[in-house]
PDB file of N, CA and C in Angstrom:
ATOM      1  N   MET A   1     -84.953  39.757  33.379  1.00  0.00           N
ATOM      2  CA  MET A   1     -84.267  38.306  33.258  1.00  0.00           C
ATOM      3  C   MET A   1     -85.128  37.369  34.263  1.00  0.00           C
ATOM      4  N   GLN A   2     -84.947  36.400  33.683  1.00  0.00           N
ATOM      5  CA  GLN A   2     -86.022  34.998  34.652  1.00  0.00           C
ATOM      6  C   GLN A   2     -85.042  34.590  35.805  1.00  0.00           C
ATOM      7  N   ASN A   3     -85.840  34.095  37.147  1.00  0.00           N
ATOM      8  CA  ASN A   3     -84.585  33.980  38.112  1.00  0.00           C
ATOM      9  C   ASN A   3     -84.962  32.232  38.179  1.00  0.00           C
ATOM     10  N   GLU A   4     -84.316  31.298  38.889  1.00  0.00           N
ATOM     11  CA  GLU A   4     -84.087  30.016  38.437  1.00  0.00           C
ATOM     12  C   GLU A   4     -85.753  29.762  38.484  1.00  0.00           C
ATOM     13  N   ARG A   5     -86.482  30.096  39.660  1.00  0.00           N
ATOM     14  CA  ARG A   5     -88.074  29.557  39.757  1.00  0.00           C
ATOM     15  C   ARG A   5     -88.675  29.829  38.772  1.00  0.00           C
ATOM     16  N   GLN A   6     -88.441  31.168  37.647  1.00  0.00           N
ATOM     17  CA  GLN A   6     -89.395  31.089  36.670  1.00  0.00           C
ATOM     18  C   GLN A   6     -88.886  30.127  35.478  1.00  0.00           C
ATOM     19  N   ARG A   7     -87.485  30.101  35.458  1.00  0.00           N
ATOM     20  CA  ARG A   7     -86.789  29.024  34.302  1.00  0.00           C
ATOM     21  C   ARG A   7     -87.592  27.491  34.656  1.00  0.00           C
ATOM     22  N   GLU A   8     -87.734  27.310  35.731  1.00  0.00           N
ATOM     23  CA  GLU A   8     -88.138  25.790  36.047  1.00  0.00           C
ATOM     24  C   GLU A   8     -89.579  25.792  35.649  1.00  0.00           C
ATOM     25  N   VAL A   9     -90.146  26.992  35.842  1.00  0.00           N
ATOM     26  CA  VAL A   9     -91.907  26.959  35.974  1.00  0.00           C
ATOM     27  C   VAL A   9     -92.200  26.881  34.096  1.00  0.00           C
ATOM     28  N   GLU A  10     -91.258  27.569  33.436  1.00  0.00           N
ATOM     29  CA  GLU A  10     -91.290  27.604  31.847  1.00  0.00           C
ATOM     30  C   GLU A  10     -90.865  26.204  31.186  1.00  0.00           C
ATOM     31  N   ALA A  11     -89.829  25.971  31.970  1.00  0.00           N
ATOM     32  CA  ALA A  11     -89.675  24.746  31.297  1.00  0.00           C
ATOM     33  C   ALA A  11     -90.481  23.248  31.730  1.00  0.00           C
ATOM     34  N   ARG A  12     -91.134  23.367  32.691  1.00  0.00           N
ATOM     35  CA  ARG A  12     -92.027  22.399  32.971  1.00  0.00           C
ATOM     36  C   ARG A  12     -93.434  22.505  32.278  1.00  0.00           C
ATOM     37  N   LEU A  13     -93.726  23.702  31.763  1.00  0.00           N
ATOM     38  CA  LEU A  13     -95.002  24.463  31.325  1.00  0.00           C
ATOM     39  C   LEU A  13     -94.742  23.841  29.323  1.00  0.00           C
ATOM     40  N   LEU A  14     -93.693  23.830  28.964  1.00  0.00           N
ATOM     41  CA  LEU A  14     -93.387  23.719  27.525  1.00  0.00           C
ATOM     42  C   LEU A  14     -93.251  22.080  27.571  1.00  0.00           C
ATOM     43  N   ALA A  15     -92.475  21.325  28.431  1.00  0.00           N
ATOM     44  CA  ALA A  15     -92.614  20.098  28.507  1.00  0.00           C
ATOM     45  C   ALA A  15     -93.756  19.831  28.298  1.00  0.00           C
ATOM     46  N   MET A  16     -94.857  19.841  29.059  1.00  0.00           N
ATOM     47  CA  MET A  16     -96.686  19.840  29.650  1.00  0.00           C
ATOM     48  C   MET A  16     -96.790  20.083  28.207  1.00  0.00           C
ATOM     49  N   ALA A  17     -96.936  21.054  27.553  1.00  0.00           N
ATOM     50  CA  ALA A  17     -97.571  21.518  26.148  1.00  0.00           C
ATOM     51  C   ALA A  17     -97.129  20.334  25.044  1.00  0.00           C
ATOM     52  N   ASP A  18     -95.471  20.223  25.197  1.00  0.00           N
ATOM     53  CA  ASP A  18     -95.055  18.976  23.888  1.00  0.00           C
ATOM     54  C   ASP A  18     -95.772  17.959  23.988  1.00  0.00           C
ATOM     55  N   ALA A  19     -96.105  17.824  25.634  1.00  0.00           N
ATOM     56  CA  ALA A  19     -96.489  16.071  25.706  1.00  0.00           C
ATOM     57  C   ALA A  19     -97.810  15.764  25.566  1.00  0.00           C
ATOM     58  N   LEU A  20     -98.526  16.161  26.572  1.00  0.00           N
ATOM     59  CA  LEU A  20    -100.012  16.604  26.360  1.00  0.00           C
ATOM     60  C   LEU A  20    -100.836  17.312  25.405  1.00  0.00           C
ATOM     61  N   GLY A  21    -100.277  17.971  24.448  1.00  0.00           N
ATOM     62  CA  GLY A  21    -100.334  18.886  23.274  1.00  0.00           C
ATOM     63  C   GLY A  21    -100.116  18.115  22.512  1.00  0.00           C
ATOM     64  N   GLY A  22     -99.408  17.470  22.361  1.00  0.00           N
ATOM     65  CA  GLY A  22     -98.849  16.295  20.965  1.00  0.00           C
ATOM     66  C   GLY A  22     -99.831  15.341  20.949  1.00  0.00           C
ATOM     67  N   LYS A  23    -100.181  14.669  22.184  1.00  0.00           N
ATOM     68  CA  LYS A  23    -101.265  13.379  21.877  1.00  0.00           C
ATOM     69  C   LYS A  23    -102.109  13.990  21.926  1.00  0.00           C
ATOM     70  N   LEU A  24    -102.933  15.418  21.472  1.00  0.00           N
ATOM     71  CA  LEU A  24    -104.004  15.888  20.886  1.00  0.00           C
ATOM     72  C   LEU A  24    -103.656  16.448  19.522  1.00  0.00           C
ATOM     73  N   GLY A  25    -103.368  16.569  19.147  1.00  0.00           N
ATOM     74  CA  GLY A  25    -102.320  16.949  17.782  1.00  0.00           C
ATOM     75  C   GLY A  25    -102.187  18.397  17.844  1.00  0.00           C
ATOM     76  N   LEU A  26    -101.950  19.147  19.057  1.00  0.00           N
ATOM     77  CA  LEU A  26    -102.220  20.640  19.144  1.00  0.00           C
ATOM     78  C   LEU A  26    -100.558  20.962  19.144  1.00  0.00           C
ATOM     79  N   ASP A  27    -100.084  22.181  18.691  1.00  0.00           N
ATOM     80  CA  ASP A  27     -98.898  22.544  18.715  1.00  0.00           C
ATOM     81  C   ASP A  27     -99.058  23.272  20.036  1.00  0.00           C
ATOM     82  N   ARG A  28     -97.929  24.018  20.794  1.00  0.00           N
ATOM     83  CA  ARG A  28     -98.087  24.593  21.933  1.00  0.00           C
ATOM     84  C   ARG A  28     -98.832  25.856  22.198  1.00  0.00           C
ATOM     85  N   ARG A  29     -98.732  26.638  20.988  1.00  0.00           N
ATOM     86  CA  ARG A  29     -99.849  27.985  21.161  1.00  0.00           C
ATOM     87  C   ARG A  29    -101.138  27.295  21.156  1.00  0.00           C
ATOM     88  N   ARG A  30    -101.446  26.201  20.533  1.00  0.00           N
ATOM     89  CA  ARG A  30    -103.031  26.118  20.896  1.00  0.00           C
ATOM     90  C   ARG A  30    -103.145  25.318  21.874  1.00  0.00           C
ATOM     91  N   PHE A  31    -102.306  24.567  22.335  1.00  0.00           N
ATOM     92  CA  PHE A  31    -102.764  23.980  23.569  1.00  0.00           C
ATOM     93  C   PHE A  31    -102.588  25.232  24.889  1.00  0.00           C
ATOM     94  N   PHE A  32    -102.206  25.964  25.005  1.00  0.00           N
ATOM     95  CA  PHE A  32    -102.145  27.049  26.184  1.00  0.00           C
ATOM     96  C   PHE A  32    -103.401  27.720  25.788  1.00  0.00           C
ATOM     97  N   GLN A  33    -104.162  27.809  24.352  1.00  0.00           N
ATOM     98  CA  GLN A  33    -105.212  28.903  24.069  1.00  0.00           C
ATOM     99  C   GLN A  33    -106.732  27.557  24.914  1.00  0.00           C
ATOM    100  N   THR A  34    -106.603  26.378  25.297  1.00  0.00           N
ATOM    101  CA  THR A  34    -107.739  25.716  25.640  1.00  0.00           C
ATOM    102  C   THR A  34    -107.423  25.998  27.308  1.00  0.00           C
ATOM    103  N   ALA A  35    -108.392  25.141  28.236  1.00  0.00           N
ATOM    104  CA  ALA A  35    -108.418  25.272  29.210  1.00  0.00           C
ATOM    105  C   ALA A  35    -107.161  24.142  29.912  1.00  0.00           C
ATOM    106  N   ALA A  36    -107.510  23.442  29.216  1.00  0.00           N
ATOM    107  CA  ALA A  36    -106.419  22.428  29.809  1.00  0.00           C
ATOM    108  C   ALA A  36    -104.890  22.870  30.164  1.00  0.00           C
ATOM    109  N   GLY A  37    -104.568  23.778  29.056  1.00  0.00           N
ATOM    110  CA  GLY A  37    -103.250  24.877  28.941  1.00  0.00           C
ATOM    111  C   GLY A  37    -103.066  25.694  30.304  1.00  0.00           C
ATOM    112  N   MET A  38    -104.295  26.123  30.654  1.00  0.00           N
ATOM    113  CA  MET A  38    -104.652  26.720  31.842  1.00  0.00           C
ATOM    114  C   MET A  38    -104.368  26.170  33.015  1.00  0.00           C
ATOM    115  N   ALA A  39    -105.094  24.963  32.781  1.00  0.00           N
ATOM    116  CA  ALA A  39    -104.810  24.279  34.098  1.00  0.00           C
ATOM    117  C   ALA A  39    -103.298  23.534  34.374  1.00  0.00           C
ATOM    118  N   ALA A  40    -102.652  23.648  33.422  1.00  0.00           N
ATOM    119  CA  ALA A  40    -101.072  22.907  33.014  1.00  0.00           C
ATOM    120  C   ALA A  40    -100.512  24.241  33.621  1.00  0.00           C
ATOM    121  N   SER A  41    -100.546  25.469  33.339  1.00  0.00           N
ATOM    122  CA  SER A  41    -100.319  26.725  33.852  1.00  0.00           C
ATOM    123  C   SER A  41     -99.974  26.597  35.211  1.00  0.00           C
ATOM    124  N   PHE A  42    -101.047  26.408  35.958  1.00  0.00           N
ATOM    125  CA  PHE A  42    -101.338  26.383  36.967  1.00  0.00           C
ATOM    126  C   PHE A  42    -100.649  24.894  38.206  1.00  0.00           C
ATOM    127  N   VAL A  43    -100.937  24.102  37.320  1.00  0.00           N
ATOM    128  CA  VAL A  43    -100.250  22.969  37.707  1.00  0.00           C
ATOM    129  C   VAL A  43     -98.689  23.607  37.835  1.00  0.00           C
ATOM    130  N   ALA A  44     -97.966  24.029  37.236  1.00  0.00           N
ATOM    131  CA  ALA A  44     -96.558  24.026  36.892  1.00  0.00           C
ATOM    132  C   ALA A  44     -96.224  25.304  38.166  1.00  0.00           C
ATOM    133  N   ILE A  45     -96.628  26.096  37.901  1.00  0.00           N
ATOM    134  CA  ILE A  45     -96.955  27.183  38.938  1.00  0.00           C
ATOM    135  C   ILE A  45     -96.697  26.743  40.771  1.00  0.00           C
ATOM    136  N   ASN A  46     -97.778  25.770  41.069  1.00  0.00           N
ATOM    137  CA  ASN A  46     -97.823  25.053  42.177  1.00  0.00           C
ATOM    138  C   ASN A  46     -96.954  23.975  42.432  1.00  0.00           C
ATOM    139  N   VAL A  47     -96.219  23.290  41.522  1.00  0.00           N
ATOM    140  CA  VAL A  47     -94.889  22.645  41.519  1.00  0.00           C
ATOM    141  C   VAL A  47     -94.026  23.312  42.264  1.00  0.00           C
ATOM    142  N   VAL A  48     -93.555  24.951  41.330  1.00  0.00           N
ATOM    143  CA  VAL A  48     -92.611  25.352  41.855  1.00  0.00           C
ATOM    144  C   VAL A  48     -92.489  26.564  42.925  1.00  0.00           C
ATOM    145  N   TYR A  49     -93.806  26.767  42.951  1.00  0.00           N
ATOM    146  CA  TYR A  49     -93.986  28.276  44.331  1.00  0.00           C
ATOM    147  C   TYR A  49     -94.745  27.421  45.602  1.00  0.00           C
ATOM    148  N   GLY A  50     -95.331  26.379  45.449  1.00  0.00           N
ATOM    149  CA  GLY A  50     -96.347  25.680  46.253  1.00  0.00           C
ATOM    150  C   GLY A  50     -97.615  25.701  46.088  1.00  0.00           C
ATOM    151  N   ARG A  51     -98.661  25.230  46.608  1.00  0.00           N
ATOM    152  CA  ARG A  51    -100.113  25.101  46.268  1.00  0.00           C
ATOM    153  C   ARG A  51    -100.717  26.368  46.294  1.00  0.00           C
ATOM    154  N   LEU A  52    -100.490  27.080  45.549  1.00  0.00           N
ATOM    155  CA  LEU A  52    -101.225  28.732  45.016  1.00  0.00           C
ATOM    156  C   LEU A  52    -102.772  28.162  44.406  1.00  0.00           C
ATOM    157  N   PHE A  53    -102.777  27.632  43.262  1.00  0.00           N
ATOM    158  CA  PHE A  53    -104.120  27.162  43.100  1.00  0.00           C
ATOM    159  C   PHE A  53    -104.475  25.993  43.429  1.00  0.00           C
ATOM    160  N   GLU A  54    -105.926  26.172  43.200  1.00  0.00           N
ATOM    161  CA  GLU A  54    -106.783  24.516  43.464  1.00  0.00           C
ATOM    162  C   GLU A  54    -107.011  23.978  41.953  1.00  0.00           C
ATOM    163  N   VAL A  55    -106.172  23.327  41.691  1.00  0.00           N
ATOM    164  CA  VAL A  55    -105.811  22.357  41.149  1.00  0.00           C
ATOM    165  C   VAL A  55    -105.572  21.133  40.796  1.00  0.00           C
ATOM    166  N   SER A  56    -105.799  19.947  40.289  1.00  0.00           N
ATOM    167  CA  SER A  56    -105.155  18.357  40.686  1.00  0.00           C
ATOM    168  C   SER A  56    -104.782  18.254  39.343  1.00  0.00           C
ATOM    169  N   THR A  57    -103.838  17.036  40.032  1.00  0.00           N
ATOM    170  CA  THR A  57    -102.890  16.592  38.261  1.00  0.00           C
ATOM    171  C   THR A  57    -103.544  15.016  38.179  1.00  0.00           C
ATOM    172  N   ALA A  58    -104.427  14.653  39.247  1.00  0.00           N
ATOM    173  CA  ALA A  58    -105.024  13.230  39.267  1.00  0.00           C
ATOM    174  C   ALA A  58    -106.022  13.028  38.282  1.00  0.00           C
ATOM    175  N   THR A  59    -106.851  13.768  38.063  1.00  0.00           N
ATOM    176  CA  THR A  59    -107.596  13.093  36.768  1.00  0.00           C
ATOM    177  C   THR A  59    -108.204  14.640  36.063  1.00  0.00           C
ATOM    178  N   PRO A  60    -107.109  15.676  35.642  1.00  0.00           N
ATOM    179  CA  PRO A  60    -107.163  16.443  35.284  1.00  0.00           C
ATOM    180  C   PRO A  60    -108.293  16.645  33.702  1.00  0.00           C
ATOM    181  N   ALA A  61    -109.070  17.514  33.137  1.00  0.00           N
ATOM    182  CA  ALA A  61    -110.010  17.660  32.370  1.00  0.00           C
ATOM    183  C   ALA A  61    -109.319  18.340  30.915  1.00  0.00           C
ATOM    184  N   TRP A  62    -109.637  17.004  29.895  1.00  0.00           N
ATOM    185  CA  TRP A  62    -108.424  17.325  29.102  1.00  0.00           C
ATOM    186  C   TRP A  62    -109.330  17.539  27.617  1.00  0.00           C
ATOM    187  N   PRO A  63    -109.409  18.346  26.843  1.00  0.00           N
ATOM    188  CA  PRO A  63    -109.839  18.406  25.496  1.00  0.00           C
ATOM    189  C   PRO A  63    -109.900  16.906  25.012  1.00  0.00           C
ATOM    190  N   ARG A  64    -111.107  16.314  24.774  1.00  0.00           N
ATOM    191  CA  ARG A  64    -110.686  14.858  23.617  1.00  0.00           C
ATOM    192  C   ARG A  64    -110.627  15.154  22.382  1.00  0.00           C
ATOM    193  N   SER A  65    -110.644  16.352  21.422  1.00  0.00           N
ATOM    194  CA  SER A  65    -110.296  16.504  20.062  1.00  0.00           C
ATOM    195  C   SER A  65    -109.174  17.480  19.948  1.00  0.00           C
ATOM    196  N   ALA A  66    -109.032  17.978  18.760  1.00  0.00           N
ATOM    197  CA  ALA A  66    -108.209  19.638  18.546  1.00  0.00           C
ATOM    198  C   ALA A  66    -109.595  20.497  18.971  1.00  0.00           C
ATOM    199  N   PRO A  67    -108.688  21.744  18.932  1.00  0.00           N
ATOM    200  CA  PRO A  67    -110.049  22.643  18.519  1.00  0.00           C
ATOM    201  C   PRO A  67    -110.431  23.098  17.389  1.00  0.00           C
ATOM    202  N   THR A  68    -111.389  23.651  17.471  1.00  0.00           N
ATOM    203  CA  THR A  68    -112.267  23.535  16.059  1.00  0.00           C
ATOM    204  C   THR A  68    -112.554  25.244  15.676  1.00  0.00           C
ATOM    205  N   ARG A  69    -112.431  25.645  14.210  1.00  0.00           N
ATOM    206  CA  ARG A  69    -112.730  26.775  14.359  1.00  0.00           C
ATOM    207  C   ARG A  69    -114.022  27.134  13.746  1.00  0.00           C
ATOM    208  N   SER A  70    -114.889  28.471  14.502  1.00  0.00           N
ATOM    209  CA  SER A  70    -116.375  27.931  14.320  1.00  0.00           C
ATOM    210  C   SER A  70    -116.406  28.826  12.699  1.00  0.00           C
ATOM    211  N   ARG A  71    -117.341  28.098  11.804  1.00  0.00           N
ATOM    212  CA  ARG A  71    -117.474  28.822  10.810  1.00  0.00           C
ATOM    213  C   ARG A  71    -118.128  30.324  10.673  1.00  0.00           C
ATOM    214  N   THR A  72    -118.664  30.956  11.872  1.00  0.00           N
ATOM    215  CA  THR A  72    -119.263  32.416  12.222  1.00  0.00           C
ATOM    216  C   THR A  72    -118.543  33.000  12.996  1.00  0.00           C
ATOM    217  N   ASN A  73    -117.420  32.096  13.878  1.00  0.00           N
ATOM    218  CA  ASN A  73    -116.600  33.102  14.764  1.00  0.00           C
ATOM    219  C   ASN A  73    -115.426  32.613  14.166  1.00  0.00           C
ATOM    220  N   SER A  74    -114.241  33.377  14.220  1.00  0.00           N
ATOM    221  CA  SER A  74    -112.688  33.277  13.571  1.00  0.00           C
ATOM    222  C   SER A  74    -112.175  32.143  14.945  1.00  0.00           C
ATOM    223  N   SER A  75    -112.946  32.704  16.051  1.00  0.00           N
ATOM    224  CA  SER A  75    -112.556  32.144  17.490  1.00  0.00           C
ATOM    225  C   SER A  75    -112.194  30.626  17.608  1.00  0.00           C
ATOM    226  N   TRP A  76    -111.208  30.201  18.553  1.00  0.00           N
ATOM    227  CA  TRP A  76    -111.206  28.811  18.512  1.00  0.00           C
ATOM    228  C   TRP A  76    -111.560  28.469  19.805  1.00  0.00           C
ATOM    229  N   THR A  77    -112.206  27.359  19.822  1.00  0.00           N
ATOM    230  CA  THR A  77    -113.159  27.091  21.039  1.00  0.00           C
ATOM    231  C   THR A  77    -112.761  25.453  21.545  1.00  0.00           C
ATOM    232  N   CYS A  78    -112.872  24.914  22.620  1.00  0.00           N
ATOM    233  CA  CYS A  78    -112.137  23.497  22.793  1.00  0.00           C
ATOM    234  C   CYS A  78    -113.246  23.268  24.065  1.00  0.00           C
ATOM    235  N   ILE A  79    -114.106  22.055  23.748  1.00  0.00           N
ATOM    236  CA  ILE A  79    -114.536  21.557  24.868  1.00  0.00           C
ATOM    237  C   ILE A  79    -114.146  20.494  25.799  1.00  0.00           C
ATOM    238  N   PRO A  80    -113.647  20.818  26.973  1.00  0.00           N
ATOM    239  CA  PRO A  80    -113.291  19.690  27.951  1.00  0.00           C
ATOM    240  C   PRO A  80    -113.887  18.353  28.265  1.00  0.00           C
ATOM    241  N   THR A  81    -113.352  17.228  28.257  1.00  0.00           N
ATOM    242  CA  THR A  81    -114.339  15.907  28.625  1.00  0.00           C
ATOM    243  C   THR A  81    -113.254  15.364  29.638  1.00  0.00           C
ATOM    244  N   SER A  82    -114.042  14.854  30.295  1.00  0.00           N
ATOM    245  CA  SER A  82    -113.041  13.864  31.154  1.00  0.00           C
ATOM    246  C   SER A  82    -112.095  12.664  30.427  1.00  0.00           C
ATOM    247  N   CYS A  83    -110.737  12.661  31.057  1.00  0.00           N
ATOM    248  CA  CYS A  83    -109.519  11.435  29.835  1.00  0.00           C
ATOM    249  C   CYS A  83    -109.174  11.341  31.164  1.00  0.00           C
ATOM    250  N   ALA A  84    -108.369   9.917  31.005  1.00  0.00           N
ATOM    251  CA  ALA A  84    -107.337   9.759  32.386  1.00  0.00           C
ATOM    252  C   ALA A  84    -106.001  10.214  32.076  1.00  0.00           C
ATOM    253  N   ALA A  85    -105.480  11.464  31.592  1.00  0.00           N
ATOM    254  CA  ALA A  85    -104.140  12.146  31.577  1.00  0.00           C
ATOM    255  C   ALA A  85    -103.662  12.175  32.689  1.00  0.00           C
ATOM    256  N   THR A  86    -102.358  12.023  32.932  1.00  0.00           N
ATOM    257  CA  THR A  86    -101.526  12.431  34.207  1.00  0.00           C
ATOM    258  C   THR A  86    -100.407  13.355  33.628  1.00  0.00           C
ATOM    259  N   LEU A  87    -100.157  13.974  34.724  1.00  0.00           N
ATOM    260  CA  LEU A  87     -98.815  14.768  34.201  1.00  0.00           C
ATOM    261  C   LEU A  87     -98.099  14.831  34.754  1.00  0.00           C
ATOM    262  N   ALA A  88     -96.672  14.625  33.836  1.00  0.00           N
ATOM    263  CA  ALA A  88     -95.610  13.936  34.635  1.00  0.00           C
ATOM    264  C   ALA A  88     -94.755  15.482  35.545  1.00  0.00           C
ATOM    265  N   SER A  89     -94.288  15.482  36.626  1.00  0.00           N
ATOM    266  CA  SER A  89     -94.109  16.218  37.385  1.00  0.00           C
ATOM    267  C   SER A  89     -91.990  16.569  37.066  1.00  0.00           C
TER     268      SER A  89
END
């Protein structure tokens, strides 16, 4: 069972995945498979629990396009590029 802080982290994560992933044409699952999804997780944890991870919300690096599946490899890859996205807290 989750405590109140854990529920808040989860709610923030889902909101960021919907907002940022939606802009990229990614569903939640695909968004969290990217470096941007990992960074969003660190940001959400920092907001709720205090600064635990060295991550910035000012100019995060988000993938420019949706991840693509390699023809020779079934794993998804995403190349992060700099863009002007900001996280809503």
